[in-house]
Amino acid sequence: MKKKVFLLCGAGALFGVALSTIITILISLTAGDGHFYAVVPELIADCGGELNAVMLQTALSMLYGAAWAGAALIWRRDGWSLTKQTALHLLVCSAATFPIAWACRWMRHDAAGAALYFGVFFAIYALIWLGQYLGIRRRLRKVNRALGAGKERA
């Protein structure tokens, strides 16, 4: 089990870096001035240079990805209700994501920035959760229909 968790978190760490890189490319493209913005200027100032800021953001992106991948194990707990799984997953992911977003300056450092961050975070989380829920429900109905049809033939 420990090996499985380690591999899952390792894959998540790599995914976190890949996602962070894709986001910085998209942000740089939307800036439209032909420059690549690996990190926000405030993080460069906080870290005393661009290289330090990129290294910090990369390390934190790895942690971000590993935390989300590890949190996915919550969904594999068969004895827990969907409500308990959702609440715990949301709590773990929020607790991992907020300090990283704060440290990387992906949000403003004031109450309004934190409120906006959590509003966007919860909205995206809810949309992804609903999409996953509806997809699983659709697959379960299909399996149940197939099982029901099998019983009628027997």
C-alpha atoms as a PDB file:
ATOM      1  CA  MET A   1       0.000   0.000   0.000  1.00  0.00           C
ATOM      2  CA  LYS A   2       2.821   2.422   0.851  1.00  0.00           C
ATOM      3  CA  LYS A   3       4.450   1.771  -2.517  1.00  0.00           C
ATOM      4  CA  LYS A   4       1.140   2.465  -4.258  1.00  0.00           C
ATOM      5  CA  VAL A   5       0.724   5.757  -2.386  1.00  0.00           C
ATOM      6  CA  PHE A   6       4.321   6.750  -3.154  1.00  0.00           C
ATOM      7  CA  LEU A   7       3.906   6.009  -6.869  1.00  0.00           C
ATOM      8  CA  LEU A   8       0.561   7.798  -7.003  1.00  0.00           C
ATOM      9  CA  CYS A   9       1.946  10.899  -5.275  1.00  0.00           C
ATOM     10  CA  GLY A  10       5.055  10.811  -7.482  1.00  0.00           C
ATOM     11  CA  ALA A  11       2.925  10.757 -10.608  1.00  0.00           C
ATOM     12  CA  GLY A  12       0.826  13.558  -9.132  1.00  0.00           C
ATOM     13  CA  ALA A  13       3.961  15.622  -8.481  1.00  0.00           C
ATOM     14  CA  LEU A  14       4.976  15.308 -12.129  1.00  0.00           C
ATOM     15  CA  PHE A  15       1.450  16.202 -13.213  1.00  0.00           C
ATOM     16  CA  GLY A  16       1.538  19.247 -10.919  1.00  0.00           C
ATOM     17  CA  VAL A  17       4.687  20.549 -12.616  1.00  0.00           C
ATOM     18  CA  ALA A  18       3.266  19.844 -16.075  1.00  0.00           C
ATOM     19  CA  LEU A  19       0.026  21.631 -15.248  1.00  0.00           C
ATOM     20  CA  SER A  20       1.869  24.590 -13.736  1.00  0.00           C
ATOM     21  CA  THR A  21       4.004  24.872 -16.867  1.00  0.00           C
ATOM     22  CA  ILE A  22       0.977  24.717 -19.158  1.00  0.00           C
ATOM     23  CA  ILE A  23      -0.733  27.431 -17.118  1.00  0.00           C
ATOM     24  CA  THR A  24       2.309  29.708 -17.313  1.00  0.00           C
ATOM     25  CA  ILE A  25       2.451  29.202 -21.081  1.00  0.00           C
ATOM     26  CA  LEU A  26      -1.239  30.083 -21.410  1.00  0.00           C
ATOM     27  CA  ILE A  27      -0.813  33.155 -19.219  1.00  0.00           C
ATOM     28  CA  SER A  28       2.195  34.222 -21.290  1.00  0.00           C
ATOM     29  CA  LEU A  29       0.217  33.742 -24.509  1.00  0.00           C
ATOM     30  CA  THR A  30      -2.652  35.861 -23.204  1.00  0.00           C
ATOM     31  CA  ALA A  31      -0.206  38.620 -22.262  1.00  0.00           C
ATOM     32  CA  GLY A  32       0.481  38.800 -25.981  1.00  0.00           C
ATOM     33  CA  ASP A  33       3.841  40.566 -25.773  1.00  0.00           C
ATOM     34  CA  GLY A  34       6.022  37.623 -26.849  1.00  0.00           C
ATOM     35  CA  HIS A  35       7.565  37.094 -23.400  1.00  0.00           C
ATOM     36  CA  PHE A  36       7.375  33.985 -21.232  1.00  0.00           C
ATOM     37  CA  TYR A  37       6.218  34.654 -17.687  1.00  0.00           C
ATOM     38  CA  ALA A  38       7.306  31.667 -15.597  1.00  0.00           C
ATOM     39  CA  VAL A  39       6.168  33.279 -12.335  1.00  0.00           C
ATOM     40  CA  VAL A  40       4.411  36.433 -11.220  1.00  0.00           C
ATOM     41  CA  PRO A  41       6.624  39.477 -10.601  1.00  0.00           C
ATOM     42  CA  GLU A  42       5.684  39.579  -6.907  1.00  0.00           C
ATOM     43  CA  LEU A  43       7.119  36.100  -6.407  1.00  0.00           C
ATOM     44  CA  ILE A  44      10.361  37.158  -8.072  1.00  0.00           C
ATOM     45  CA  ALA A  45      10.588  40.066  -5.634  1.00  0.00           C
ATOM     46  CA  ASP A  46       9.779  37.781  -2.673  1.00  0.00           C
ATOM     47  CA  CYS A  47      12.468  35.278  -3.698  1.00  0.00           C
ATOM     48  CA  GLY A  48      15.144  37.763  -4.667  1.00  0.00           C
ATOM     49  CA  GLY A  49      15.365  36.608  -8.266  1.00  0.00           C
ATOM     50  CA  GLU A  50      13.597  34.800 -11.080  1.00  0.00           C
ATOM     51  CA  LEU A  51      15.498  31.511 -10.752  1.00  0.00           C
ATOM     52  CA  ASN A  52      14.699  31.228  -7.039  1.00  0.00           C
ATOM     53  CA  ALA A  53      11.052  32.026  -7.757  1.00  0.00           C
ATOM     54  CA  VAL A  54      10.833  29.392 -10.511  1.00  0.00           C
ATOM     55  CA  MET A  55      12.476  26.766  -8.286  1.00  0.00           C
ATOM     56  CA  LEU A  56      10.064  27.538  -5.442  1.00  0.00           C
ATOM     57  CA  GLN A  57       7.029  27.473  -7.706  1.00  0.00           C
ATOM     58  CA  THR A  58       8.194  24.189  -9.263  1.00  0.00           C
ATOM     59  CA  ALA A  59       8.709  22.559  -5.863  1.00  0.00           C
ATOM     60  CA  LEU A  60       5.336  23.797  -4.638  1.00  0.00           C
ATOM     61  CA  SER A  61       3.668  22.648  -7.872  1.00  0.00           C
ATOM     62  CA  MET A  62       5.092  19.187  -7.211  1.00  0.00           C
ATOM     63  CA  LEU A  63       3.676  19.272  -3.692  1.00  0.00           C
ATOM     64  CA  TYR A  64       0.340  20.490  -5.074  1.00  0.00           C
ATOM     65  CA  GLY A  65       0.132  17.624  -7.558  1.00  0.00           C
ATOM     66  CA  ALA A  66       1.239  15.036  -4.996  1.00  0.00           C
ATOM     67  CA  ALA A  67      -1.364  16.243  -2.483  1.00  0.00           C
ATOM     68  CA  TRP A  68      -4.194  16.021  -5.008  1.00  0.00           C
ATOM     69  CA  ALA A  69      -3.065  12.597  -6.195  1.00  0.00           C
ATOM     70  CA  GLY A  70      -2.788  11.331  -2.636  1.00  0.00           C
ATOM     71  CA  ALA A  71      -6.188  12.780  -1.779  1.00  0.00           C
ATOM     72  CA  ALA A  72      -7.681  10.713  -4.600  1.00  0.00           C
ATOM     73  CA  LEU A  73      -7.245   7.684  -2.344  1.00  0.00           C
ATOM     74  CA  ILE A  74     -10.117   9.052  -0.250  1.00  0.00           C
ATOM     75  CA  TRP A  75     -12.510   8.042  -3.034  1.00  0.00           C
ATOM     76  CA  ARG A  76     -11.411   4.412  -2.647  1.00  0.00           C
ATOM     77  CA  ARG A  77     -12.726   4.129   0.922  1.00  0.00           C
ATOM     78  CA  ASP A  78     -15.674   1.772   0.475  1.00  0.00           C
ATOM     79  CA  GLY A  79     -17.073   2.095   3.983  1.00  0.00           C
ATOM     80  CA  TRP A  80     -17.483   5.881   3.802  1.00  0.00           C
ATOM     81  CA  SER A  81     -20.491   7.760   2.511  1.00  0.00           C
ATOM     82  CA  LEU A  82     -20.163   9.990  -0.536  1.00  0.00           C
ATOM     83  CA  THR A  83     -20.772  12.994   1.720  1.00  0.00           C
ATOM     84  CA  LYS A  84     -17.923  12.019   4.050  1.00  0.00           C
ATOM     85  CA  GLN A  85     -15.576  11.310   1.130  1.00  0.00           C
ATOM     86  CA  THR A  86     -16.436  14.623  -0.540  1.00  0.00           C
ATOM     87  CA  ALA A  87     -16.036  16.650   2.650  1.00  0.00           C
ATOM     88  CA  LEU A  88     -12.692  15.063   3.530  1.00  0.00           C
ATOM     89  CA  HIS A  89     -11.370  15.320  -0.044  1.00  0.00           C
ATOM     90  CA  LEU A  90     -12.414  18.967  -0.238  1.00  0.00           C
ATOM     91  CA  LEU A  91     -10.806  19.693   3.137  1.00  0.00           C
ATOM     92  CA  VAL A  92      -7.511  17.979   2.245  1.00  0.00           C
ATOM     93  CA  CYS A  93      -7.311  19.613  -1.193  1.00  0.00           C
ATOM     94  CA  SER A  94      -8.229  23.042   0.172  1.00  0.00           C
ATOM     95  CA  ALA A  95      -5.676  22.745   2.970  1.00  0.00           C
ATOM     96  CA  ALA A  96      -2.976  21.781   0.455  1.00  0.00           C
ATOM     97  CA  THR A  97      -3.922  24.256  -2.241  1.00  0.00           C
ATOM     98  CA  PHE A  98      -4.470  27.496  -0.328  1.00  0.00           C
ATOM     99  CA  PRO A  99      -0.988  27.843   1.236  1.00  0.00           C
ATOM    100  CA  ILE A 100       0.636  26.987  -2.086  1.00  0.00           C
ATOM    101  CA  ALA A 101      -1.487  29.518  -3.961  1.00  0.00           C
ATOM    102  CA  TRP A 102      -0.625  32.080  -1.285  1.00  0.00           C
ATOM    103  CA  ALA A 103       3.126  31.344  -1.365  1.00  0.00           C
ATOM    104  CA  CYS A 104       3.273  31.404  -5.184  1.00  0.00           C
ATOM    105  CA  ARG A 105       1.267  34.628  -5.246  1.00  0.00           C
ATOM    106  CA  TRP A 106      -1.416  33.097  -7.444  1.00  0.00           C
ATOM    107  CA  MET A 107      -3.839  35.271  -5.479  1.00  0.00           C
ATOM    108  CA  ARG A 108      -3.880  38.692  -3.877  1.00  0.00           C
ATOM    109  CA  HIS A 109      -2.609  38.791  -0.299  1.00  0.00           C
ATOM    110  CA  ASP A 110      -5.648  40.325   1.361  1.00  0.00           C
ATOM    111  CA  ALA A 111      -9.077  39.228   2.579  1.00  0.00           C
ATOM    112  CA  ALA A 112     -10.742  40.037  -0.747  1.00  0.00           C
ATOM    113  CA  GLY A 113      -8.110  38.020  -2.599  1.00  0.00           C
ATOM    114  CA  ALA A 114      -8.610  35.049  -0.281  1.00  0.00           C
ATOM    115  CA  ALA A 115     -12.393  35.286  -0.655  1.00  0.00           C
ATOM    116  CA  LEU A 116     -12.114  35.435  -4.445  1.00  0.00           C
ATOM    117  CA  TYR A 117      -9.651  32.539  -4.428  1.00  0.00           C
ATOM    118  CA  PHE A 118     -11.950  30.324  -2.346  1.00  0.00           C
ATOM    119  CA  GLY A 119     -14.989  31.308  -4.409  1.00  0.00           C
ATOM    120  CA  VAL A 120     -13.264  30.287  -7.635  1.00  0.00           C
ATOM    121  CA  PHE A 121     -11.749  27.181  -6.017  1.00  0.00           C
ATOM    122  CA  PHE A 122     -15.100  25.946  -4.670  1.00  0.00           C
ATOM    123  CA  ALA A 123     -16.911  26.716  -7.941  1.00  0.00           C
ATOM    124  CA  ILE A 124     -14.375  24.746  -9.986  1.00  0.00           C
ATOM    125  CA  TYR A 125     -14.373  21.933  -7.423  1.00  0.00           C
ATOM    126  CA  ALA A 126     -18.181  21.757  -7.497  1.00  0.00           C
ATOM    127  CA  LEU A 127     -18.287  21.663 -11.304  1.00  0.00           C
ATOM    128  CA  ILE A 128     -15.684  18.899 -11.510  1.00  0.00           C
ATOM    129  CA  TRP A 129     -17.392  16.937  -8.701  1.00  0.00           C
ATOM    130  CA  LEU A 130     -20.794  17.232 -10.385  1.00  0.00           C
ATOM    131  CA  GLY A 131     -19.357  16.126 -13.727  1.00  0.00           C
ATOM    132  CA  GLN A 132     -17.710  13.108 -12.122  1.00  0.00           C
ATOM    133  CA  TYR A 133     -20.858  12.247 -10.165  1.00  0.00           C
ATOM    134  CA  LEU A 134     -23.107  12.415 -13.220  1.00  0.00           C
ATOM    135  CA  GLY A 135     -20.660  10.340 -15.262  1.00  0.00           C
ATOM    136  CA  ILE A 136     -20.435   7.631 -12.610  1.00  0.00           C
ATOM    137  CA  ARG A 137     -24.210   7.621 -12.170  1.00  0.00           C
ATOM    138  CA  ARG A 138     -24.686   7.206 -15.931  1.00  0.00           C
ATOM    139  CA  ARG A 139     -22.219   4.287 -16.025  1.00  0.00           C
ATOM    140  CA  LEU A 140     -23.919   2.607 -13.042  1.00  0.00           C
ATOM    141  CA  ARG A 141     -27.329   2.882 -14.701  1.00  0.00           C
ATOM    142  CA  LYS A 142     -25.902   1.317 -17.858  1.00  0.00           C
ATOM    143  CA  VAL A 143     -24.400  -1.573 -15.867  1.00  0.00           C
ATOM    144  CA  ASN A 144     -27.652  -2.039 -13.944  1.00  0.00           C
ATOM    145  CA  ARG A 145     -29.649  -2.116 -17.188  1.00  0.00           C
ATOM    146  CA  ALA A 146     -27.234  -4.702 -18.617  1.00  0.00           C
ATOM    147  CA  LEU A 147     -27.532  -6.820 -15.464  1.00  0.00           C
ATOM    148  CA  GLY A 148     -31.306  -6.522 -15.540  1.00  0.00           C
ATOM    149  CA  ALA A 149     -31.416  -7.591 -19.164  1.00  0.00           C
ATOM    150  CA  GLY A 150     -29.202 -10.565 -18.318  1.00  0.00           C
ATOM    151  CA  LYS A 151     -31.602 -11.716 -15.603  1.00  0.00           C
ATOM    152  CA  GLU A 152     -34.555 -11.586 -17.997  1.00  0.00           C
ATOM    153  CA  ARG A 153     -32.757 -13.940 -20.418  1.00  0.00           C
ATOM    154  CA  ALA A 154     -31.934 -16.475 -17.699  1.00  0.00           C
END
